[in-house]
Structure formats: structure tokens, C-alpha cells
């Protein structure tokens, strides 16, 4: 459970230009997105964050994740994507 919380928090922080809540983010395995592809034994697959579209009907976004945990500690890194014109560089 803590690894999913860490993944949602990493996704939230990687997309500061969006007003995300944890309800806007779903953590899944890439194999769950790739219907029709051969599933790996044991249900393996890289984790991804599925981010709900900004408005109703907008397509969602998928972000790559790396999650690690050891005992009581969990950590996650999200590769954020900034669409054109949404960055904080003043452009």
C-alpha cells in the first residue's frame, strides 16, 4: 500500500502545472494497458501512472514510474511530461 502512495505522490510532484488530486491518479502495471500483448508469468510489468484528463472527455496521460521498497520504507520516481506552453519558464 505504501508503494502506491509513494507513486501517487511522485506523480503529483512531477506535474506541478496540473491541479491533481490523488483521485486523478491511478497506479497500474503497463501490461494492464497493453491488451492483446502476451502477459508475463506472475503478472509482471513496469508500473505506470494513469492521469485523468484535465476536463471531462479529455484523453488521459500515462507517466512512467520506478518504485522501490524495503521493509517499512517505499520510494518512487515519476518521469513527468510538460505539454507545450505549460512549463514555468515563462514561454
N, C-alpha and C. Protein backbone atom coordinates (compact mmCIF):
# COMPACT_ATOMS: atom_id res chain seq x y z
N UNK A 1 0.82 -1.18 0.00
CA UNK A 1 0.00 0.00 0.00
C UNK A 1 0.87 1.26 0.00
N UNK A 2 1.95 1.26 0.75
CA UNK A 2 2.80 2.46 0.83
C UNK A 2 3.49 2.75 -0.50
N UNK A 3 3.77 1.71 -1.28
CA UNK A 3 4.41 1.94 -2.57
C UNK A 3 3.48 2.67 -3.54
N UNK A 4 2.19 2.39 -3.48
CA UNK A 4 1.23 3.11 -4.34
C UNK A 4 1.08 4.56 -3.89
N UNK A 5 1.09 4.79 -2.59
CA UNK A 5 1.05 6.17 -2.08
C UNK A 5 2.27 6.94 -2.55
N UNK A 6 3.46 6.33 -2.44
CA UNK A 6 4.69 6.99 -2.90
C UNK A 6 4.63 7.27 -4.40
N UNK A 7 4.08 6.35 -5.17
CA UNK A 7 3.97 6.54 -6.62
C UNK A 7 3.01 7.67 -6.96
N UNK A 8 1.88 7.75 -6.25
CA UNK A 8 0.94 8.85 -6.49
C UNK A 8 1.55 10.19 -6.11
N UNK A 9 2.27 10.22 -5.00
CA UNK A 9 2.91 11.47 -4.58
C UNK A 9 3.99 11.90 -5.58
N UNK A 10 4.77 10.96 -6.09
CA UNK A 10 5.79 11.28 -7.09
C UNK A 10 5.13 11.82 -8.37
N UNK A 11 4.02 11.23 -8.77
CA UNK A 11 3.30 11.70 -9.95
C UNK A 11 2.75 13.10 -9.73
N UNK A 12 2.18 13.33 -8.58
CA UNK A 12 1.64 14.64 -8.22
C UNK A 12 2.74 15.71 -8.30
N UNK A 13 3.91 15.42 -7.75
CA UNK A 13 5.01 16.39 -7.73
C UNK A 13 5.68 16.57 -9.09
N UNK A 14 5.58 15.56 -9.96
CA UNK A 14 6.18 15.65 -11.29
C UNK A 14 5.32 16.46 -12.26
N UNK A 15 4.10 16.76 -11.88
CA UNK A 15 3.18 17.51 -12.74
C UNK A 15 2.64 18.74 -12.00
N UNK A 16 3.52 19.70 -11.66
CA UNK A 16 3.09 20.85 -10.86
C UNK A 16 2.15 21.79 -11.61
N UNK A 17 2.13 21.75 -12.94
CA UNK A 17 1.27 22.63 -13.72
C UNK A 17 -0.17 22.15 -13.72
N UNK A 18 -0.42 20.93 -13.27
CA UNK A 18 -1.78 20.40 -13.17
C UNK A 18 -2.25 20.53 -11.73
N UNK A 19 -3.53 20.64 -11.54
CA UNK A 19 -4.10 20.68 -10.19
C UNK A 19 -4.63 19.29 -9.88
N UNK A 20 -3.70 18.37 -9.68
CA UNK A 20 -4.06 16.97 -9.47
C UNK A 20 -4.44 16.71 -8.02
N UNK A 21 -5.31 15.74 -7.85
CA UNK A 21 -5.56 15.15 -6.55
C UNK A 21 -5.19 13.68 -6.67
N UNK A 22 -5.11 13.00 -5.57
CA UNK A 22 -4.76 11.58 -5.62
C UNK A 22 -5.86 10.78 -6.35
N UNK A 23 -7.08 11.30 -6.40
CA UNK A 23 -8.16 10.62 -7.11
C UNK A 23 -7.99 10.72 -8.63
N UNK A 24 -7.18 11.67 -9.10
CA UNK A 24 -6.92 11.82 -10.53
C UNK A 24 -5.86 10.85 -11.04
N UNK A 25 -5.19 10.15 -10.14
CA UNK A 25 -4.05 9.30 -10.49
C UNK A 25 -4.37 7.85 -10.15
N UNK A 26 -4.14 6.97 -11.12
CA UNK A 26 -4.28 5.53 -10.90
C UNK A 26 -2.93 4.88 -11.19
N UNK A 27 -2.50 4.00 -10.30
CA UNK A 27 -1.24 3.27 -10.50
C UNK A 27 -1.59 1.88 -11.03
N UNK A 28 -0.95 1.51 -12.13
CA UNK A 28 -1.21 0.21 -12.76
C UNK A 28 0.10 -0.34 -13.31
N UNK A 29 0.03 -1.56 -13.80
CA UNK A 29 1.17 -2.16 -14.49
C UNK A 29 0.98 -1.94 -15.98
N UNK A 30 2.07 -1.72 -16.69
CA UNK A 30 1.99 -1.47 -18.13
C UNK A 30 1.26 -2.62 -18.84
N UNK A 31 1.43 -3.84 -18.36
CA UNK A 31 0.78 -4.98 -19.02
C UNK A 31 -0.74 -4.86 -18.96
N UNK A 32 -1.27 -4.14 -17.96
CA UNK A 32 -2.71 -3.95 -17.88
C UNK A 32 -3.20 -3.00 -18.97
N UNK A 33 -2.32 -2.16 -19.50
CA UNK A 33 -2.68 -1.21 -20.55
C UNK A 33 -2.55 -1.83 -21.93
N UNK A 34 -1.64 -2.78 -22.07
CA UNK A 34 -1.32 -3.37 -23.37
C UNK A 34 -2.15 -4.63 -23.61
N UNK A 35 -3.45 -4.43 -23.81
CA UNK A 35 -4.33 -5.58 -24.08
C UNK A 35 -3.90 -6.23 -25.39
N UNK A 36 -3.96 -7.52 -25.41
CA UNK A 36 -3.59 -8.25 -26.62
C UNK A 36 -2.12 -8.65 -26.64
N UNK A 37 -1.31 -8.05 -25.79
CA UNK A 37 0.10 -8.45 -25.74
C UNK A 37 0.24 -9.61 -24.77
N UNK A 38 1.25 -10.39 -24.95
CA UNK A 38 1.49 -11.55 -24.10
C UNK A 38 1.80 -11.10 -22.68
N UNK A 39 1.08 -11.66 -21.71
CA UNK A 39 1.31 -11.36 -20.30
C UNK A 39 2.50 -12.16 -19.78
N UNK A 40 3.29 -11.54 -18.95
CA UNK A 40 4.43 -12.22 -18.35
C UNK A 40 3.96 -13.11 -17.20
N UNK A 41 4.63 -14.24 -16.95
CA UNK A 41 4.26 -15.07 -15.82
C UNK A 41 4.37 -14.27 -14.52
N UNK A 42 3.43 -14.44 -13.63
CA UNK A 42 3.46 -13.73 -12.36
C UNK A 42 2.89 -12.33 -12.45
N UNK A 43 2.40 -11.93 -13.62
CA UNK A 43 1.77 -10.62 -13.76
C UNK A 43 2.74 -9.46 -13.73
N UNK A 44 4.00 -9.69 -14.09
CA UNK A 44 5.00 -8.63 -14.05
C UNK A 44 4.72 -7.53 -15.05
N UNK A 45 5.37 -6.44 -14.89
CA UNK A 45 5.22 -5.32 -15.79
C UNK A 45 5.65 -4.05 -15.10
N UNK A 46 6.17 -3.13 -15.87
CA UNK A 46 6.62 -1.86 -15.31
C UNK A 46 5.41 -1.07 -14.80
N UNK A 47 5.56 -0.38 -13.68
CA UNK A 47 4.45 0.43 -13.17
C UNK A 47 4.30 1.72 -13.98
N UNK A 48 3.07 2.16 -14.13
CA UNK A 48 2.77 3.42 -14.80
C UNK A 48 1.71 4.17 -13.98
N UNK A 49 1.71 5.48 -14.14
CA UNK A 49 0.66 6.31 -13.55
C UNK A 49 -0.28 6.72 -14.66
N UNK A 50 -1.55 6.51 -14.47
CA UNK A 50 -2.56 6.94 -15.42
C UNK A 50 -3.21 8.20 -14.84
N UNK A 51 -3.06 9.32 -15.55
CA UNK A 51 -3.54 10.61 -15.06
C UNK A 51 -4.79 11.00 -15.84
N UNK A 52 -5.85 11.27 -15.12
CA UNK A 52 -7.12 11.65 -15.73
C UNK A 52 -6.95 12.95 -16.52
N UNK A 53 -7.70 13.09 -17.61
CA UNK A 53 -7.66 14.31 -18.42
C UNK A 53 -8.09 15.53 -17.62
N UNK A 54 -7.67 16.71 -18.07
CA UNK A 54 -7.98 17.94 -17.34
C UNK A 54 -9.48 18.26 -17.32
N UNK A 55 -10.18 17.94 -18.40
CA UNK A 55 -11.62 18.17 -18.47
C UNK A 55 -12.31 16.86 -18.85
N UNK A 56 -13.58 16.79 -18.57
CA UNK A 56 -14.36 15.61 -18.91
C UNK A 56 -14.26 15.36 -20.41
N UNK A 57 -13.92 14.16 -20.79
CA UNK A 57 -13.80 13.80 -22.20
C UNK A 57 -12.39 13.95 -22.74
N UNK A 58 -11.51 14.67 -22.03
CA UNK A 58 -10.12 14.79 -22.48
C UNK A 58 -9.40 13.46 -22.31
N UNK A 59 -8.49 13.15 -23.22
CA UNK A 59 -7.74 11.90 -23.06
C UNK A 59 -6.82 11.99 -21.84
N UNK A 60 -6.62 10.89 -21.20
CA UNK A 60 -5.71 10.84 -20.06
C UNK A 60 -4.26 10.82 -20.51
N UNK A 61 -3.39 10.77 -19.55
CA UNK A 61 -1.95 10.76 -19.81
C UNK A 61 -1.34 9.60 -19.03
N UNK A 62 -0.30 8.99 -19.58
CA UNK A 62 0.40 7.92 -18.91
C UNK A 62 1.82 8.38 -18.61
N UNK A 63 2.28 8.17 -17.37
CA UNK A 63 3.62 8.56 -16.97
C UNK A 63 4.37 7.33 -16.46
N UNK A 64 5.64 7.24 -16.79
CA UNK A 64 6.45 6.10 -16.35
C UNK A 64 6.87 6.29 -14.89
N UNK A 65 6.93 5.17 -14.16
CA UNK A 65 7.28 5.18 -12.74
C UNK A 65 8.38 4.18 -12.45
N UNK A 66 9.11 4.46 -11.39
CA UNK A 66 10.02 3.49 -10.80
C UNK A 66 9.70 3.45 -9.32
N UNK A 67 9.39 2.27 -8.80
CA UNK A 67 9.01 2.11 -7.41
C UNK A 67 9.95 1.13 -6.74
N UNK A 68 10.36 1.46 -5.52
CA UNK A 68 11.22 0.56 -4.74
C UNK A 68 10.74 0.58 -3.29
N UNK A 69 10.89 -0.54 -2.62
CA UNK A 69 10.56 -0.58 -1.20
C UNK A 69 11.43 -1.60 -0.49
N UNK A 70 11.66 -1.33 0.78
CA UNK A 70 12.48 -2.20 1.61
C UNK A 70 11.97 -2.08 3.04
N UNK A 71 11.36 -3.12 3.53
CA UNK A 71 10.84 -3.09 4.89
C UNK A 71 9.74 -2.06 5.03
N UNK A 72 9.93 -1.10 5.93
CA UNK A 72 8.92 -0.08 6.21
C UNK A 72 8.99 1.13 5.28
N UNK A 73 9.93 1.16 4.36
CA UNK A 73 10.14 2.35 3.52
C UNK A 73 9.83 2.08 2.07
N UNK A 74 9.23 3.06 1.41
CA UNK A 74 8.93 2.97 -0.02
C UNK A 74 9.35 4.29 -0.67
N UNK A 75 9.80 4.20 -1.91
CA UNK A 75 10.18 5.39 -2.66
C UNK A 75 9.72 5.21 -4.11
N UNK A 76 9.46 6.32 -4.77
CA UNK A 76 9.04 6.26 -6.17
C UNK A 76 9.54 7.49 -6.91
N UNK A 77 9.77 7.32 -8.20
CA UNK A 77 10.19 8.40 -9.09
C UNK A 77 9.25 8.37 -10.29
N UNK A 78 8.77 9.53 -10.70
CA UNK A 78 7.89 9.64 -11.86
C UNK A 78 8.54 10.53 -12.90
N UNK A 79 8.51 10.08 -14.15
CA UNK A 79 9.00 10.88 -15.26
C UNK A 79 7.85 11.74 -15.75
N UNK A 80 7.91 13.04 -15.39
CA UNK A 80 6.83 13.96 -15.74
C UNK A 80 6.94 14.44 -17.17
N UNK A 81 5.81 14.84 -17.71
CA UNK A 81 5.74 15.34 -19.08
C UNK A 81 5.06 16.69 -19.06
N UNK A 82 5.71 17.69 -19.64
CA UNK A 82 5.15 19.04 -19.69
C UNK A 82 4.74 19.34 -21.14
N UNK A 83 3.43 19.44 -21.40
CA UNK A 83 2.98 19.78 -22.75
C UNK A 83 3.46 21.18 -23.14
N UNK A 84 3.53 21.45 -24.43
CA UNK A 84 3.95 22.77 -24.91
C UNK A 84 3.13 23.88 -24.27
N UNK A 85 3.83 24.91 -23.80
CA UNK A 85 3.17 26.07 -23.25
C UNK A 85 2.73 25.95 -21.81
N UNK A 86 3.00 24.82 -21.16
CA UNK A 86 2.56 24.62 -19.78
C UNK A 86 3.69 24.73 -18.77
N UNK A 87 4.93 24.93 -19.22
CA UNK A 87 6.07 24.98 -18.32
C UNK A 87 6.12 26.28 -17.54
N UNK A 88 7.03 26.34 -16.59
CA UNK A 88 7.17 27.54 -15.76
C UNK A 88 8.35 28.40 -16.20
N UNK A 89 8.78 28.25 -17.47
CA UNK A 89 9.91 29.03 -17.95
C UNK A 89 9.49 30.36 -18.58
N UNK A 90 8.21 30.69 -18.47
CA UNK A 90 7.72 31.96 -18.96
C UNK A 90 7.37 32.00 -20.43
N UNK A 91 7.49 30.89 -21.13
CA UNK A 91 7.17 30.85 -22.56
C UNK A 91 5.72 30.50 -22.78
